[in-house]
Each structure stands twice: as structure tokens, then as C-alpha cells.
Amino acid sequence: MPLRRLREWAARTLSAAITRLSSWLGLALGLVLGLALAMPAAAQTPAFEWRGEGSFPLQYTETSTSRSTTRTTNMIPYLGLTGTATLPSGLIASVFADGGHGRLGSFLDTDNTFASVGTSIAKRWGAFTAGVSFEHTRYFEGTFGEETNIANDVNLFASYRFTPNAGLRIRPSAVMTMRVDDMFAVQRYSAGARIDIEQRLTGPWWFLVSPRIRHLDYVGSDSRRHDTRFAVVAGLRYAINDIMSTRMLAGWESRGSTDPSRDAQKFTIGASLDFDVDFTRADFTRPR
């Protein structure tokens, strides 16, 4: 009976996620096709790719505030689709749609589900990338239940990929964000930085660690509120092949605020089965 209830719950969760995400993925498809059709026929043919990604987690999270401690278990998947075109000018144009629950160790604003769609323009100079993006996100209570918030984010981002050898990958990145509501009234500004480090241990096993910091300044009715968040996530990744991997992670986040009711400490631990596939060059069997 417990196994049967688990199967029924998983089926309901996936059904709700697919229903919510279908419209967003359809919009992304339309935007990408429109972008491709708009390319000048006489120009150099742009490099184009479809990329799909997803994560199926089993995650435990404990959140402690001055008033209470909550404990949650999450099995809601994350799914995303991105279309990218490298233009003759060297710019990289993308449209994307994603949703579900935040990935294992991501520490998003809320612990509930979301669905988003957006677009970005970036430029790459060797290992350095910088660009701007716009993202429209809807947040939901529980598993795609009642809509709780709508956010529109304009982001300036930059990152650098440093690979001193085949077994070590280091990627520092930074982002500045302005969030507005549907009436284009500014709600907050934020700036964040992180370093993602991957070190091969042996064969398909990798050690992961990602320290990060984020500062948020609110305006309007919360104009005196300022939040600072520190977090670190670490664990192991096992690369099954070029597309699939599994991760086992633990993470901690400290949220401090000028509004004491917003102070919180979070701890999470879990495992996930992930996929990241470039549909133009997919090889589902070759081990990494």
C-alpha cells in the first residue's frame, strides 16, 4: 500500500508539472523558431542547438527561524528547455522555459514550485562570458497549486571558466538583478557571486563545492529592508554518461535581514538523478 500511494503521488505530481510547463515550453518553442526564421538567409548559417535538462530529487530541508523550525521532504522534479543560436556577429541568443522545484542545493527564494520563461543575449571572449537576460516567473503554493507571486527579473551576468587540467573545473560568476512587478514598479535590487568547483576524484566520481553570497535591497513598502545570504553546497557527482549523472549533496544557508523576522538558517541534504542533453549531439550510451 505505501508503494502504491507513492506511485499515485508521483503520477499526480508529474501530471501537474507537465500541465503547467506545457504552455511555457510551447512559448519557448515559438520564440526559438521565430528567432531561427528571422535569420537573414544570405548571412552565415548560425550555430543552433536545443538543450534539455532535468533533475529528479529526494531532498530533506530543515529551516530554522527565531519562532519555529520546519522540516520538509521534496521529490518534485525540475525540468527545463533552452534554444540557443550563435549569431554571425558572435552574440549568443537564447530563449528558455523551466519549472518545477528548485534543483538540489539551489536555495531559491521559496521552497515551493515555479514556472518561468525568458530570453538572454550574451557575448563570449574565450573563457569569459557576459550578457543580459529577462525572466518572467510565476510561483505556486505546494505542487503547482495556488499562484502566490509573479516576478520579472532583468539580469546582468558574467562568468569565467577556468580549466587548469582535465580533472579540475572552476567557474566564478556574478549577477546583478532588478526585479519589477507586472506594472513595472521596482520591487528590489540584488547582487550575487559564487564559485563552482568540480574536482575529479577517480573515474566518473567528482567532488563538488559551491560557496556563494547574495545581497538584496528592497524598495517601496519594504524600502528599509536589506538581506544578506551566505551559502555553501558540497558533495559528490557520479557521471553515468555524457547526459546523465547522479548527485549527493549537503548544503547550508544563512539568511540575515534588517527585518529580524526574515532571519533564517537552512540545512539541506539529498540525492538527485540529473540529465543534461544537447539534442543536436546526443549520445545516450557513451560513458564519461
Protein backbone atom coordinates (compact mmCIF):
# COMPACT_ATOMS: atom_id res chain seq x y z
CA MET A 1 0.00 0.00 0.00
CA PRO A 2 2.72 2.60 0.80
CA LEU A 3 4.38 1.86 -2.56
CA ARG A 4 1.06 2.24 -4.35
CA ARG A 5 0.38 5.60 -2.66
CA LEU A 6 3.89 6.73 -3.60
CA ARG A 7 3.27 5.83 -7.26
CA GLU A 8 -0.05 7.66 -7.24
CA TRP A 9 1.52 10.75 -5.66
CA ALA A 10 4.36 10.73 -8.20
CA ALA A 11 1.88 10.43 -11.07
CA ARG A 12 -0.19 13.37 -9.78
CA THR A 13 2.95 15.48 -9.30
CA LEU A 14 4.28 14.81 -12.79
CA SER A 15 0.85 15.42 -14.32
CA ALA A 16 0.55 18.80 -12.61
CA ALA A 17 4.08 19.78 -13.60
CA ILE A 18 3.59 18.80 -17.24
CA THR A 19 0.28 20.68 -17.43
CA ARG A 20 1.81 23.87 -16.03
CA LEU A 21 5.02 23.63 -18.06
CA SER A 22 3.48 22.75 -21.42
CA SER A 23 2.37 26.31 -22.13
CA TRP A 24 5.77 27.70 -21.12
CA LEU A 25 7.69 25.20 -23.24
CA GLY A 26 5.36 25.91 -26.15
CA LEU A 27 6.09 29.61 -25.84
CA ALA A 28 9.82 28.93 -25.75
CA LEU A 29 9.50 26.77 -28.86
CA GLY A 30 7.67 29.56 -30.66
CA LEU A 31 10.26 32.15 -29.68
CA VAL A 32 13.18 29.98 -30.76
CA LEU A 33 11.57 29.10 -34.09
CA GLY A 34 10.81 32.76 -34.66
CA LEU A 35 14.43 33.61 -33.92
CA ALA A 36 15.66 30.98 -36.35
CA LEU A 37 13.28 32.08 -39.12
CA ALA A 38 14.30 35.69 -38.64
CA MET A 39 17.94 34.97 -39.52
CA PRO A 40 18.97 36.54 -42.85
CA ALA A 41 19.19 33.80 -45.45
CA ALA A 42 22.24 35.37 -47.04
CA ALA A 43 24.16 35.55 -43.78
CA GLN A 44 26.40 32.84 -42.41
CA THR A 45 24.26 29.98 -41.09
CA PRO A 46 24.10 30.35 -37.29
CA ALA A 47 25.08 27.51 -34.99
CA PHE A 48 21.89 26.36 -33.29
CA GLU A 49 21.17 23.88 -30.53
CA TRP A 50 18.33 22.57 -28.36
CA ARG A 51 19.21 21.62 -24.82
CA GLY A 52 17.01 19.87 -22.30
CA GLU A 53 17.79 19.40 -18.62
CA GLY A 54 16.09 17.97 -15.60
CA SER A 55 16.54 16.74 -12.07
CA PHE A 56 14.62 14.13 -10.06
CA PRO A 57 15.48 14.64 -6.37
CA LEU A 58 14.95 13.12 -2.99
CA GLN A 59 15.69 16.02 -0.65
CA TYR A 60 15.32 16.85 3.04
CA THR A 61 15.35 20.51 4.16
CA GLU A 62 15.27 21.96 7.66
CA THR A 63 14.56 25.70 8.09
CA SER A 64 15.04 27.35 11.49
CA THR A 65 13.89 30.84 12.47
CA SER A 66 13.58 32.58 15.84
CA ARG A 67 9.99 31.35 16.04
CA SER A 68 9.93 27.85 14.60
CA THR A 69 11.67 25.01 12.80
CA THR A 70 10.13 23.38 9.75
CA ARG A 71 11.18 20.14 8.11
CA THR A 72 10.20 19.21 4.56
CA THR A 73 10.88 16.39 2.12
CA ASN A 74 10.87 17.10 -1.61
CA MET A 75 10.51 14.75 -4.58
CA ILE A 76 9.23 17.31 -7.12
CA PRO A 77 11.28 17.28 -10.36
CA TYR A 78 12.87 20.19 -12.17
CA LEU A 79 12.58 20.40 -15.99
CA GLY A 80 13.96 22.93 -18.47
CA LEU A 81 14.33 23.54 -22.20
CA THR A 82 16.69 26.04 -23.88
CA GLY A 83 17.12 27.02 -27.51
CA THR A 84 20.39 28.79 -28.38
CA ALA A 85 21.62 30.37 -31.61
CA THR A 86 25.17 31.65 -32.12
CA LEU A 87 24.70 34.59 -34.47
CA PRO A 88 27.17 35.61 -37.20
CA SER A 89 28.02 38.68 -35.09
CA GLY A 90 29.30 36.38 -32.35
CA LEU A 91 26.41 37.09 -29.98
CA ILE A 92 24.69 34.13 -28.31
CA ALA A 93 20.88 34.45 -28.26
CA SER A 94 18.80 32.12 -26.11
CA VAL A 95 15.21 31.55 -25.07
CA PHE A 96 14.30 29.20 -22.25
CA ALA A 97 11.49 27.79 -20.15
CA ASP A 98 11.85 25.85 -16.93
CA GLY A 99 9.92 24.96 -13.82
CA GLY A 100 9.20 22.53 -11.04
CA HIS A 101 11.09 22.69 -7.74
CA GLY A 102 14.49 24.34 -7.44
CA ARG A 103 17.39 21.99 -8.05
CA LEU A 104 19.05 20.20 -5.15
CA GLY A 105 21.12 22.74 -3.22
CA SER A 106 19.91 25.77 -5.19
CA PHE A 107 18.43 27.74 -2.23
CA LEU A 108 15.81 29.72 -4.18
CA ASP A 109 13.64 32.45 -2.64
CA THR A 110 10.90 29.94 -1.78
CA ASP A 111 10.67 26.19 -1.21
CA ASN A 112 7.59 25.86 -3.43
CA THR A 113 7.23 25.30 -7.17
CA PHE A 114 7.69 27.76 -10.02
CA ALA A 115 7.41 28.11 -13.79
CA SER A 116 9.42 30.64 -15.79
CA VAL A 117 10.18 31.74 -19.34
CA GLY A 118 12.85 34.14 -20.53
CA THR A 119 15.43 35.22 -23.05
CA SER A 120 19.08 36.27 -22.98
CA ILE A 121 21.80 37.82 -25.14
CA ALA A 122 25.45 37.09 -24.31
CA LYS A 123 28.92 37.53 -25.74
CA ARG A 124 31.84 35.17 -25.21
CA TRP A 125 35.50 36.16 -25.20
CA GLY A 126 37.42 32.93 -24.81
CA ALA A 127 36.58 31.59 -21.34
CA PHE A 128 34.80 34.79 -20.27
CA THR A 129 31.05 35.30 -20.90
CA ALA A 130 28.87 38.33 -20.15
CA GLY A 131 25.31 39.22 -21.06
CA VAL A 132 21.85 40.38 -20.12
CA SER A 133 18.66 38.36 -19.62
CA PHE A 134 14.98 38.85 -18.86
CA GLU A 135 12.94 36.24 -16.96
CA HIS A 136 9.24 36.08 -16.09
CA THR A 137 8.47 33.71 -13.20
CA ARG A 138 5.27 32.55 -11.52
CA TYR A 139 5.45 30.95 -8.07
CA PHE A 140 2.90 28.44 -6.76
CA GLU A 141 1.88 27.06 -3.41
CA GLY A 142 2.96 23.45 -2.91
CA THR A 143 2.95 21.38 -6.09
CA PHE A 144 1.68 23.88 -8.70
CA GLY A 145 -1.24 24.89 -6.50
CA GLU A 146 -2.49 28.43 -5.98
CA GLU A 147 -0.36 31.16 -7.58
CA THR A 148 1.43 33.13 -4.85
CA ASN A 149 3.68 35.60 -6.68
CA ILE A 150 4.72 36.92 -10.10
CA ALA A 151 8.26 38.21 -10.69
CA ASN A 152 10.01 39.86 -13.64
CA ASP A 153 13.81 39.90 -13.39
CA VAL A 154 16.30 41.82 -15.52
CA ASN A 155 19.79 40.37 -15.01
CA LEU A 156 23.32 41.43 -15.90
CA PHE A 157 25.62 38.42 -15.61
CA ALA A 158 29.22 37.40 -16.16
CA SER A 159 31.20 34.20 -15.69
CA TYR A 160 34.65 32.75 -16.35
CA ARG A 161 35.51 29.11 -16.98
CA PHE A 162 38.95 28.13 -15.69
CA THR A 163 40.16 24.62 -16.50
CA PRO A 164 43.77 24.20 -15.42
CA ASN A 165 43.62 20.47 -16.26
CA ALA A 166 41.12 17.86 -17.41
CA GLY A 167 40.22 16.94 -13.85
CA LEU A 168 39.57 20.40 -12.41
CA ARG A 169 36.85 22.90 -13.40
CA ILE A 170 36.48 26.28 -11.70
CA ARG A 171 33.71 28.72 -12.65
CA PRO A 172 33.36 32.04 -10.80
CA SER A 173 30.25 34.03 -11.72
CA ALA A 174 28.39 37.17 -10.71
CA VAL A 175 24.92 38.58 -11.38
CA MET A 176 23.09 41.85 -10.72
CA THR A 177 19.28 41.78 -10.82
CA MET A 178 16.44 44.28 -10.85
CA ARG A 179 13.02 42.79 -10.02
CA VAL A 180 9.82 44.54 -11.13
CA ASP A 181 6.15 43.63 -10.84
CA ASP A 182 3.65 43.38 -13.70
CA MET A 183 3.15 47.18 -13.56
CA PHE A 184 6.94 47.64 -13.93
CA ALA A 185 7.30 49.03 -10.42
CA VAL A 186 10.71 48.11 -8.97
CA GLN A 187 10.48 45.73 -6.02
CA ARG A 188 14.14 45.09 -5.25
CA TYR A 189 17.76 45.11 -6.45
CA SER A 190 20.19 42.29 -5.77
CA ALA A 191 23.79 41.31 -6.44
CA GLY A 192 25.37 37.92 -6.03
CA ALA A 193 28.56 35.96 -6.63
CA ARG A 194 29.50 32.30 -6.46
CA ILE A 195 32.31 29.90 -7.32
CA ASP A 196 31.51 26.42 -8.65
CA ILE A 197 34.40 23.97 -8.31
CA GLU A 198 34.48 20.41 -9.67
CA GLN A 199 37.45 18.12 -8.94
CA ARG A 200 37.67 14.64 -10.43
CA LEU A 201 38.42 12.06 -7.74
CA THR A 202 38.64 8.90 -9.80
CA GLY A 203 36.97 7.72 -12.98
CA PRO A 204 33.37 9.03 -13.07
CA TRP A 205 33.45 10.39 -9.48
CA TRP A 206 33.69 14.15 -8.92
CA PHE A 207 33.83 16.27 -5.78
CA LEU A 208 31.69 19.43 -5.91
CA VAL A 209 31.76 22.57 -3.77
CA SER A 210 30.00 25.90 -4.34
CA PRO A 211 30.26 28.84 -1.91
CA ARG A 212 28.02 31.82 -2.70
CA ILE A 213 26.88 35.20 -1.38
CA ARG A 214 23.88 37.37 -2.27
CA HIS A 215 22.75 40.82 -1.10
CA LEU A 216 19.21 42.18 -1.65
CA ASP A 217 17.96 45.78 -1.28
CA TYR A 218 14.18 46.24 -1.23
CA VAL A 219 12.28 49.36 -2.30
CA GLY A 220 8.69 50.56 -1.98
CA SER A 221 6.89 49.38 1.14
CA ASP A 222 10.00 47.37 2.18
CA SER A 223 12.45 50.20 1.44
CA ARG A 224 14.28 49.79 4.76
CA ARG A 225 14.82 46.06 4.33
CA HIS A 226 18.23 44.69 3.36
CA ASP A 227 19.03 40.97 3.27
CA THR A 228 22.38 39.18 3.03
CA ARG A 229 22.61 35.47 2.33
CA PHE A 230 25.66 33.21 2.65
CA ALA A 231 25.56 29.60 1.48
CA VAL A 232 27.79 26.66 0.70
CA VAL A 233 26.91 23.38 -1.01
CA ALA A 234 29.24 20.36 -1.27
CA GLY A 235 29.04 16.72 -2.24
CA LEU A 236 29.71 14.12 -4.91
CA ARG A 237 28.66 13.63 -8.51
CA TYR A 238 28.78 10.33 -10.40
CA ALA A 239 28.81 10.75 -14.20
CA ILE A 240 26.85 7.88 -15.74
CA ASN A 241 27.47 9.06 -19.31
CA ASP A 242 27.62 12.34 -21.24
CA ILE A 243 23.95 13.02 -20.46
CA MET A 244 23.05 11.50 -17.10
CA SER A 245 24.58 11.81 -13.66
CA THR A 246 23.63 11.46 -10.04
CA ARG A 247 24.50 13.90 -7.25
CA MET A 248 24.66 13.52 -3.46
CA LEU A 249 24.82 16.95 -1.81
CA ALA A 250 24.55 18.73 1.52
CA GLY A 251 24.13 22.48 1.86
CA TRP A 252 23.77 25.26 4.43
CA GLU A 253 22.45 28.79 4.04
CA SER A 254 22.32 31.71 6.48
CA ARG A 255 19.80 34.49 5.78
CA GLY A 256 20.29 37.73 7.69
CA SER A 257 17.98 40.72 7.38
CA THR A 258 17.32 44.17 8.84
CA ASP A 259 13.85 42.69 9.45
CA PRO A 260 14.56 40.13 12.20
CA SER A 261 11.50 38.08 11.25
CA ARG A 262 13.30 37.25 7.97
CA ASP A 263 16.40 35.77 9.63
CA ALA A 264 16.73 32.05 8.95
CA GLN A 265 19.14 29.13 8.84
CA LYS A 266 18.65 26.37 6.28
CA PHE A 267 20.17 22.93 6.03
CA THR A 268 19.51 20.52 3.18
CA ILE A 269 20.73 17.07 2.20
CA GLY A 270 19.70 14.76 -0.59
CA ALA A 271 20.39 13.00 -3.85
CA SER A 272 19.18 13.51 -7.39
CA LEU A 273 19.23 11.87 -10.80
CA ASP A 274 20.01 14.56 -13.39
CA PHE A 275 20.13 14.81 -17.15
CA ASP A 276 21.50 17.48 -19.48
CA VAL A 277 21.22 16.69 -23.17
CA ASP A 278 22.12 18.61 -26.31
CA PHE A 279 19.57 17.20 -28.76
CA THR A 280 21.81 18.05 -31.73
CA ARG A 281 24.72 15.94 -30.47
CA ALA A 282 23.20 13.42 -28.06
CA ASP A 283 24.95 10.16 -27.18
CA PHE A 284 22.94 8.30 -24.55
CA THR A 285 25.40 5.45 -24.01
CA ARG A 286 28.99 6.71 -24.08
CA PRO A 287 30.42 6.81 -20.53
CA ARG A 288 32.16 9.95 -19.38
